[in-house]
Amino acid sequence: AVLLTGYYLSARRTASPVAPSPATENDRPA
């Protein structure tokens, strides 16, 4: 909860960091 809250607060303050090649639903493992 603390880490997820920190992420969404960070994303709201600044532009969300974009990965060089973001994962897709097809290649992200559980």
All heavy atoms as atom14 arrays in JSON, in Angstrom:
{
  "sequence": "AVLLTGYYLSARRTASPVAPSPATENDRPA",
  "atom14_mask": [
    [1, 1, 1, 1, 1, 0, 0, 0, 0, 0, 0, 0, 0, 0],
    [1, 1, 1, 1, 1, 1, 1, 0, 0, 0, 0, 0, 0, 0],
    [1, 1, 1, 1, 1, 1, 1, 1, 0, 0, 0, 0, 0, 0],
    [1, 1, 1, 1, 1, 1, 1, 1, 0, 0, 0, 0, 0, 0],
    [1, 1, 1, 1, 1, 1, 1, 0, 0, 0, 0, 0, 0, 0],
    [1, 1, 1, 1, 0, 0, 0, 0, 0, 0, 0, 0, 0, 0],
    [1, 1, 1, 1, 1, 1, 1, 1, 1, 1, 1, 1, 0, 0],
    [1, 1, 1, 1, 1, 1, 1, 1, 1, 1, 1, 1, 0, 0],
    [1, 1, 1, 1, 1, 1, 1, 1, 0, 0, 0, 0, 0, 0],
    [1, 1, 1, 1, 1, 1, 0, 0, 0, 0, 0, 0, 0, 0],
    [1, 1, 1, 1, 1, 0, 0, 0, 0, 0, 0, 0, 0, 0],
    [1, 1, 1, 1, 1, 1, 1, 1, 1, 1, 1, 0, 0, 0],
    [1, 1, 1, 1, 1, 1, 1, 1, 1, 1, 1, 0, 0, 0],
    [1, 1, 1, 1, 1, 1, 1, 0, 0, 0, 0, 0, 0, 0],
    [1, 1, 1, 1, 1, 0, 0, 0, 0, 0, 0, 0, 0, 0],
    [1, 1, 1, 1, 1, 1, 0, 0, 0, 0, 0, 0, 0, 0],
    [1, 1, 1, 1, 1, 1, 1, 0, 0, 0, 0, 0, 0, 0],
    [1, 1, 1, 1, 1, 1, 1, 0, 0, 0, 0, 0, 0, 0],
    [1, 1, 1, 1, 1, 0, 0, 0, 0, 0, 0, 0, 0, 0],
    [1, 1, 1, 1, 1, 1, 1, 0, 0, 0, 0, 0, 0, 0],
    [1, 1, 1, 1, 1, 1, 0, 0, 0, 0, 0, 0, 0, 0],
    [1, 1, 1, 1, 1, 1, 1, 0, 0, 0, 0, 0, 0, 0],
    [1, 1, 1, 1, 1, 0, 0, 0, 0, 0, 0, 0, 0, 0],
    [1, 1, 1, 1, 1, 1, 1, 0, 0, 0, 0, 0, 0, 0],
    [1, 1, 1, 1, 1, 1, 1, 1, 1, 0, 0, 0, 0, 0],
    [1, 1, 1, 1, 1, 1, 1, 1, 0, 0, 0, 0, 0, 0],
    [1, 1, 1, 1, 1, 1, 1, 1, 0, 0, 0, 0, 0, 0],
    [1, 1, 1, 1, 1, 1, 1, 1, 1, 1, 1, 0, 0, 0],
    [1, 1, 1, 1, 1, 1, 1, 0, 0, 0, 0, 0, 0, 0],
    [1, 1, 1, 1, 1, 0, 0, 0, 0, 0, 0, 0, 0, 0]
  ],
  "atom14_positions": [
    [[0.83, -1.21, 0.0], [0.0, 0.0, 0.0], [0.86, 1.26, 0.0], [0.57, 2.22, -0.73], [-0.92, -0.01, 1.22], [0.0, 0.0, 0.0], [0.0, 0.0, 0.0], [0.0, 0.0, 0.0], [0.0, 0.0, 0.0], [0.0, 0.0, 0.0], [0.0, 0.0, 0.0], [0.0, 0.0, 0.0], [0.0, 0.0, 0.0], [0.0, 0.0, 0.0]],
    [[1.92, 1.26, 0.79], [2.8, 2.43, 0.87], [3.48, 2.69, -0.48], [3.52, 3.82, -0.97], [3.86, 2.24, 1.98], [4.95, 3.3, 1.89], [3.21, 2.27, 3.35], [0.0, 0.0, 0.0], [0.0, 0.0, 0.0], [0.0, 0.0, 0.0], [0.0, 0.0, 0.0], [0.0, 0.0, 0.0], [0.0, 0.0, 0.0], [0.0, 0.0, 0.0]],
    [[4.0, 1.62, -1.1], [4.71, 1.78, -2.37], [3.77, 2.17, -3.5], [4.1, 3.04, -4.33], [5.46, 0.5, -2.72], [6.67, 0.17, -1.83], [7.23, -1.21, -2.16], [7.76, 1.22, -1.96], [0.0, 0.0, 0.0], [0.0, 0.0, 0.0], [0.0, 0.0, 0.0], [0.0, 0.0, 0.0], [0.0, 0.0, 0.0], [0.0, 0.0, 0.0]],
    [[2.59, 1.57, -3.57], [1.64, 1.92, -4.61], [1.14, 3.35, -4.44], [1.0, 4.1, -5.42], [0.46, 0.95, -4.6], [0.76, -0.45, -5.15], [-0.41, -1.39, -4.91], [1.08, -0.39, -6.64], [0.0, 0.0, 0.0], [0.0, 0.0, 0.0], [0.0, 0.0, 0.0], [0.0, 0.0, 0.0], [0.0, 0.0, 0.0], [0.0, 0.0, 0.0]],
    [[0.89, 3.75, -3.19], [0.48, 5.13, -2.93], [1.57, 6.1, -3.36], [1.31, 7.13, -3.99], [0.16, 5.32, -1.44], [-0.9, 4.44, -1.07], [-0.27, 6.76, -1.16], [0.0, 0.0, 0.0], [0.0, 0.0, 0.0], [0.0, 0.0, 0.0], [0.0, 0.0, 0.0], [0.0, 0.0, 0.0], [0.0, 0.0, 0.0], [0.0, 0.0, 0.0]],
    [[2.82, 5.75, -3.03], [3.94, 6.59, -3.42], [4.05, 6.73, -4.93], [4.31, 7.83, -5.45], [0.0, 0.0, 0.0], [0.0, 0.0, 0.0], [0.0, 0.0, 0.0], [0.0, 0.0, 0.0], [0.0, 0.0, 0.0], [0.0, 0.0, 0.0], [0.0, 0.0, 0.0], [0.0, 0.0, 0.0], [0.0, 0.0, 0.0], [0.0, 0.0, 0.0]],
    [[3.81, 5.63, -5.64], [3.88, 5.69, -7.1], [2.82, 6.61, -7.68], [3.11, 7.46, -8.53], [3.74, 4.29, -7.7], [3.61, 4.33, -9.21], [4.72, 4.57, -10.01], [2.38, 4.19, -9.83], [4.61, 4.64, -11.39], [2.25, 4.25, -11.21], [3.37, 4.49, -11.98], [3.25, 4.57, -13.35], [0.0, 0.0, 0.0], [0.0, 0.0, 0.0]],
    [[1.58, 6.45, -7.23], [0.49, 7.24, -7.82], [0.58, 8.72, -7.41], [0.24, 9.6, -8.21], [-0.86, 6.63, -7.44], [-1.12, 5.36, -8.19], [-1.14, 4.12, -7.54], [-1.29, 5.37, -9.57], [-1.35, 2.95, -8.24], [-1.48, 4.19, -10.29], [-1.52, 2.99, -9.61], [-1.71, 1.83, -10.32], [0.0, 0.0, 0.0], [0.0, 0.0, 0.0]],
    [[1.09, 8.99, -6.22], [1.31, 10.39, -5.84], [2.41, 11.0, -6.69], [2.32, 12.16, -7.13], [1.68, 10.49, -4.36], [0.56, 10.23, -3.36], [1.09, 10.26, -1.93], [-0.57, 11.26, -3.53], [0.0, 0.0, 0.0], [0.0, 0.0, 0.0], [0.0, 0.0, 0.0], [0.0, 0.0, 0.0], [0.0, 0.0, 0.0], [0.0, 0.0, 0.0]],
    [[3.47, 10.2, -6.95], [4.57, 10.68, -7.8], [4.08, 10.92, -9.22], [4.46, 11.9, -9.87], [5.7, 9.65, -7.79], [6.71, 10.0, -8.71], [0.0, 0.0, 0.0], [0.0, 0.0, 0.0], [0.0, 0.0, 0.0], [0.0, 0.0, 0.0], [0.0, 0.0, 0.0], [0.0, 0.0, 0.0], [0.0, 0.0, 0.0], [0.0, 0.0, 0.0]],
    [[3.25, 10.01, -9.72], [2.73, 10.14, -11.09], [1.84, 11.37, -11.24], [1.78, 11.99, -12.3], [1.97, 8.88, -11.48], [0.0, 0.0, 0.0], [0.0, 0.0, 0.0], [0.0, 0.0, 0.0], [0.0, 0.0, 0.0], [0.0, 0.0, 0.0], [0.0, 0.0, 0.0], [0.0, 0.0, 0.0], [0.0, 0.0, 0.0], [0.0, 0.0, 0.0]],
    [[1.15, 11.73, -10.17], [0.28, 12.9, -10.22], [1.08, 14.21, -10.19], [0.69, 15.19, -10.81], [-0.7, 12.89, -9.05], [-1.8, 11.84, -9.17], [-2.74, 11.89, -8.01], [-3.42, 13.18, -7.91], [-4.27, 13.51, -6.94], [-4.55, 12.64, -6.0], [-4.85, 14.7, -6.94], [0.0, 0.0, 0.0], [0.0, 0.0, 0.0], [0.0, 0.0, 0.0]],
    [[2.19, 14.2, -9.45], [3.01, 15.42, -9.33], [3.77, 15.71, -10.61], [3.98, 16.84, -10.99], [3.99, 15.3, -8.16], [3.37, 15.5, -6.8], [4.45, 15.79, -5.77], [5.52, 14.81, -5.81], [5.55, 13.7, -5.07], [4.55, 13.44, -4.25], [6.55, 12.87, -5.16], [0.0, 0.0, 0.0], [0.0, 0.0, 0.0], [0.0, 0.0, 0.0]],
    [[4.27, 14.64, -11.23], [5.08, 14.81, -12.45], [4.55, 13.9, -13.53], [3.73, 13.02, -13.28], [6.56, 14.47, -12.17], [6.64, 13.1, -11.77], [7.14, 15.36, -11.09], [0.0, 0.0, 0.0], [0.0, 0.0, 0.0], [0.0, 0.0, 0.0], [0.0, 0.0, 0.0], [0.0, 0.0, 0.0], [0.0, 0.0, 0.0], [0.0, 0.0, 0.0]],
    [[5.06, 14.07, -14.71], [4.69, 13.16, -15.79], [5.16, 11.77, -15.42], [6.28, 11.58, -14.95], [5.34, 13.6, -17.1], [0.0, 0.0, 0.0], [0.0, 0.0, 0.0], [0.0, 0.0, 0.0], [0.0, 0.0, 0.0], [0.0, 0.0, 0.0], [0.0, 0.0, 0.0], [0.0, 0.0, 0.0], [0.0, 0.0, 0.0], [0.0, 0.0, 0.0]],
    [[4.34, 10.78, -15.64], [4.69, 9.41, -15.31], [5.89, 8.97, -16.11], [5.94, 9.15, -17.32], [3.5, 8.48, -15.61], [3.84, 7.15, -15.33], [0.0, 0.0, 0.0], [0.0, 0.0, 0.0], [0.0, 0.0, 0.0], [0.0, 0.0, 0.0], [0.0, 0.0, 0.0], [0.0, 0.0, 0.0], [0.0, 0.0, 0.0], [0.0, 0.0, 0.0]],
    [[6.92, 8.37, -15.45], [8.1, 7.93, -16.18], [7.75, 6.87, -17.2], [7.02, 5.94, -16.9], [9.02, 7.35, -15.08], [8.1, 7.03, -13.95], [6.98, 8.03, -14.02], [0.0, 0.0, 0.0], [0.0, 0.0, 0.0], [0.0, 0.0, 0.0], [0.0, 0.0, 0.0], [0.0, 0.0, 0.0], [0.0, 0.0, 0.0], [0.0, 0.0, 0.0]],
    [[8.24, 7.02, -18.39], [7.92, 6.08, -19.46], [9.11, 5.18, -19.72], [10.23, 5.65, -19.91], [7.55, 6.84, -20.75], [7.23, 5.85, -21.87], [6.37, 7.76, -20.49], [0.0, 0.0, 0.0], [0.0, 0.0, 0.0], [0.0, 0.0, 0.0], [0.0, 0.0, 0.0], [0.0, 0.0, 0.0], [0.0, 0.0, 0.0], [0.0, 0.0, 0.0]],
    [[8.88, 3.9, -19.7], [9.96, 2.94, -19.97], [10.34, 3.02, -21.44], [9.52, 3.34, -22.29], [9.49, 1.53, -19.62], [0.0, 0.0, 0.0], [0.0, 0.0, 0.0], [0.0, 0.0, 0.0], [0.0, 0.0, 0.0], [0.0, 0.0, 0.0], [0.0, 0.0, 0.0], [0.0, 0.0, 0.0], [0.0, 0.0, 0.0], [0.0, 0.0, 0.0]],
    [[11.61, 2.72, -21.75], [12.06, 2.76, -23.14], [11.21, 1.89, -24.06], [11.0, 2.22, -25.21], [13.5, 2.23, -23.05], [13.93, 2.54, -21.66], [12.71, 2.42, -20.82], [0.0, 0.0, 0.0], [0.0, 0.0, 0.0], [0.0, 0.0, 0.0], [0.0, 0.0, 0.0], [0.0, 0.0, 0.0], [0.0, 0.0, 0.0], [0.0, 0.0, 0.0]],
    [[10.72, 0.76, -23.53], [9.9, -0.14, -24.35], [8.94, -0.86, -23.44], [9.22, -1.95, -22.96], [10.8, -1.15, -25.08], [10.06, -1.95, -25.94], [0.0, 0.0, 0.0], [0.0, 0.0, 0.0], [0.0, 0.0, 0.0], [0.0, 0.0, 0.0], [0.0, 0.0, 0.0], [0.0, 0.0, 0.0], [0.0, 0.0, 0.0], [0.0, 0.0, 0.0]],
    [[7.8, -0.22, -23.1], [6.94, -0.74, -22.05], [6.41, -2.13, -22.36], [6.2, -2.51, -23.51], [5.8, 0.29, -21.98], [5.83, 0.96, -23.31], [7.24, 0.97, -23.75], [0.0, 0.0, 0.0], [0.0, 0.0, 0.0], [0.0, 0.0, 0.0], [0.0, 0.0, 0.0], [0.0, 0.0, 0.0], [0.0, 0.0, 0.0], [0.0, 0.0, 0.0]],
    [[6.18, -2.89, -21.28], [5.7, -4.26, -21.45], [4.28, -4.28, -21.95], [3.5, -3.37, -21.71], [5.78, -4.99, -20.1], [0.0, 0.0, 0.0], [0.0, 0.0, 0.0], [0.0, 0.0, 0.0], [0.0, 0.0, 0.0], [0.0, 0.0, 0.0], [0.0, 0.0, 0.0], [0.0, 0.0, 0.0], [0.0, 0.0, 0.0], [0.0, 0.0, 0.0]],
    [[3.95, -5.31, -22.67], [2.59, -5.52, -23.13], [1.97, -6.64, -22.32], [2.65, -7.38, -21.62], [2.58, -5.9, -24.62], [3.19, -7.18, -24.75], [3.33, -4.89, -25.46], [0.0, 0.0, 0.0], [0.0, 0.0, 0.0], [0.0, 0.0, 0.0], [0.0, 0.0, 0.0], [0.0, 0.0, 0.0], [0.0, 0.0, 0.0], [0.0, 0.0, 0.0]],
    [[0.65, -6.78, -22.42], [-0.02, -7.83, -21.67], [0.43, -9.21, -22.14], [0.38, -10.18, -21.41], [-1.54, -7.69, -21.84], [-2.11, -6.44, -21.17], [-1.82, -6.43, -19.66], [-1.87, -7.49, -19.03], [-1.55, -5.35, -19.12], [0.0, 0.0, 0.0], [0.0, 0.0, 0.0], [0.0, 0.0, 0.0], [0.0, 0.0, 0.0], [0.0, 0.0, 0.0]],
    [[0.88, -9.3, -23.4], [1.27, -10.6, -23.94], [2.62, -11.08, -23.43], [2.87, -12.27, -23.36], [1.31, -10.55, -25.47], [-0.08, -10.4, -26.05], [-1.04, -10.87, -25.46], [-0.18, -9.74, -27.2], [0.0, 0.0, 0.0], [0.0, 0.0, 0.0], [0.0, 0.0, 0.0], [0.0, 0.0, 0.0], [0.0, 0.0, 0.0], [0.0, 0.0, 0.0]],
    [[3.51, -10.13, -23.09], [4.84, -10.6, -22.71], [5.16, -10.37, -21.23], [6.24, -10.68, -20.79], [5.93, -9.98, -23.58], [6.04, -8.47, -23.44], [5.4, -7.9, -22.53], [6.76, -7.87, -24.23], [0.0, 0.0, 0.0], [0.0, 0.0, 0.0], [0.0, 0.0, 0.0], [0.0, 0.0, 0.0], [0.0, 0.0, 0.0], [0.0, 0.0, 0.0]],
    [[4.19, -9.86, -20.45], [4.46, -9.67, -19.03], [4.07, -10.94, -18.27], [2.9, -11.33, -18.26], [3.67, -8.49, -18.48], [3.96, -8.24, -17.01], [3.12, -7.09, -16.48], [3.49, -5.85, -17.12], [2.63, -4.99, -17.6], [1.35, -5.24, -17.55], [3.06, -3.88, -18.18], [0.0, 0.0, 0.0], [0.0, 0.0, 0.0], [0.0, 0.0, 0.0]],
    [[5.02, -11.64, -17.61], [4.69, -12.86, -16.89], [4.03, -12.54, -15.56], [4.15, -11.44, -15.05], [6.05, -13.52, -16.67], [6.99, -12.36, -16.6], [6.45, -11.32, -17.55], [0.0, 0.0, 0.0], [0.0, 0.0, 0.0], [0.0, 0.0, 0.0], [0.0, 0.0, 0.0], [0.0, 0.0, 0.0], [0.0, 0.0, 0.0], [0.0, 0.0, 0.0]],
    [[3.31, -13.5, -15.03], [2.73, -13.33, -13.7], [3.86, -13.32, -12.68], [4.74, -14.16, -12.7], [1.78, -14.49, -13.39], [0.0, 0.0, 0.0], [0.0, 0.0, 0.0], [0.0, 0.0, 0.0], [0.0, 0.0, 0.0], [0.0, 0.0, 0.0], [0.0, 0.0, 0.0], [0.0, 0.0, 0.0], [0.0, 0.0, 0.0], [0.0, 0.0, 0.0]]
  ]
}
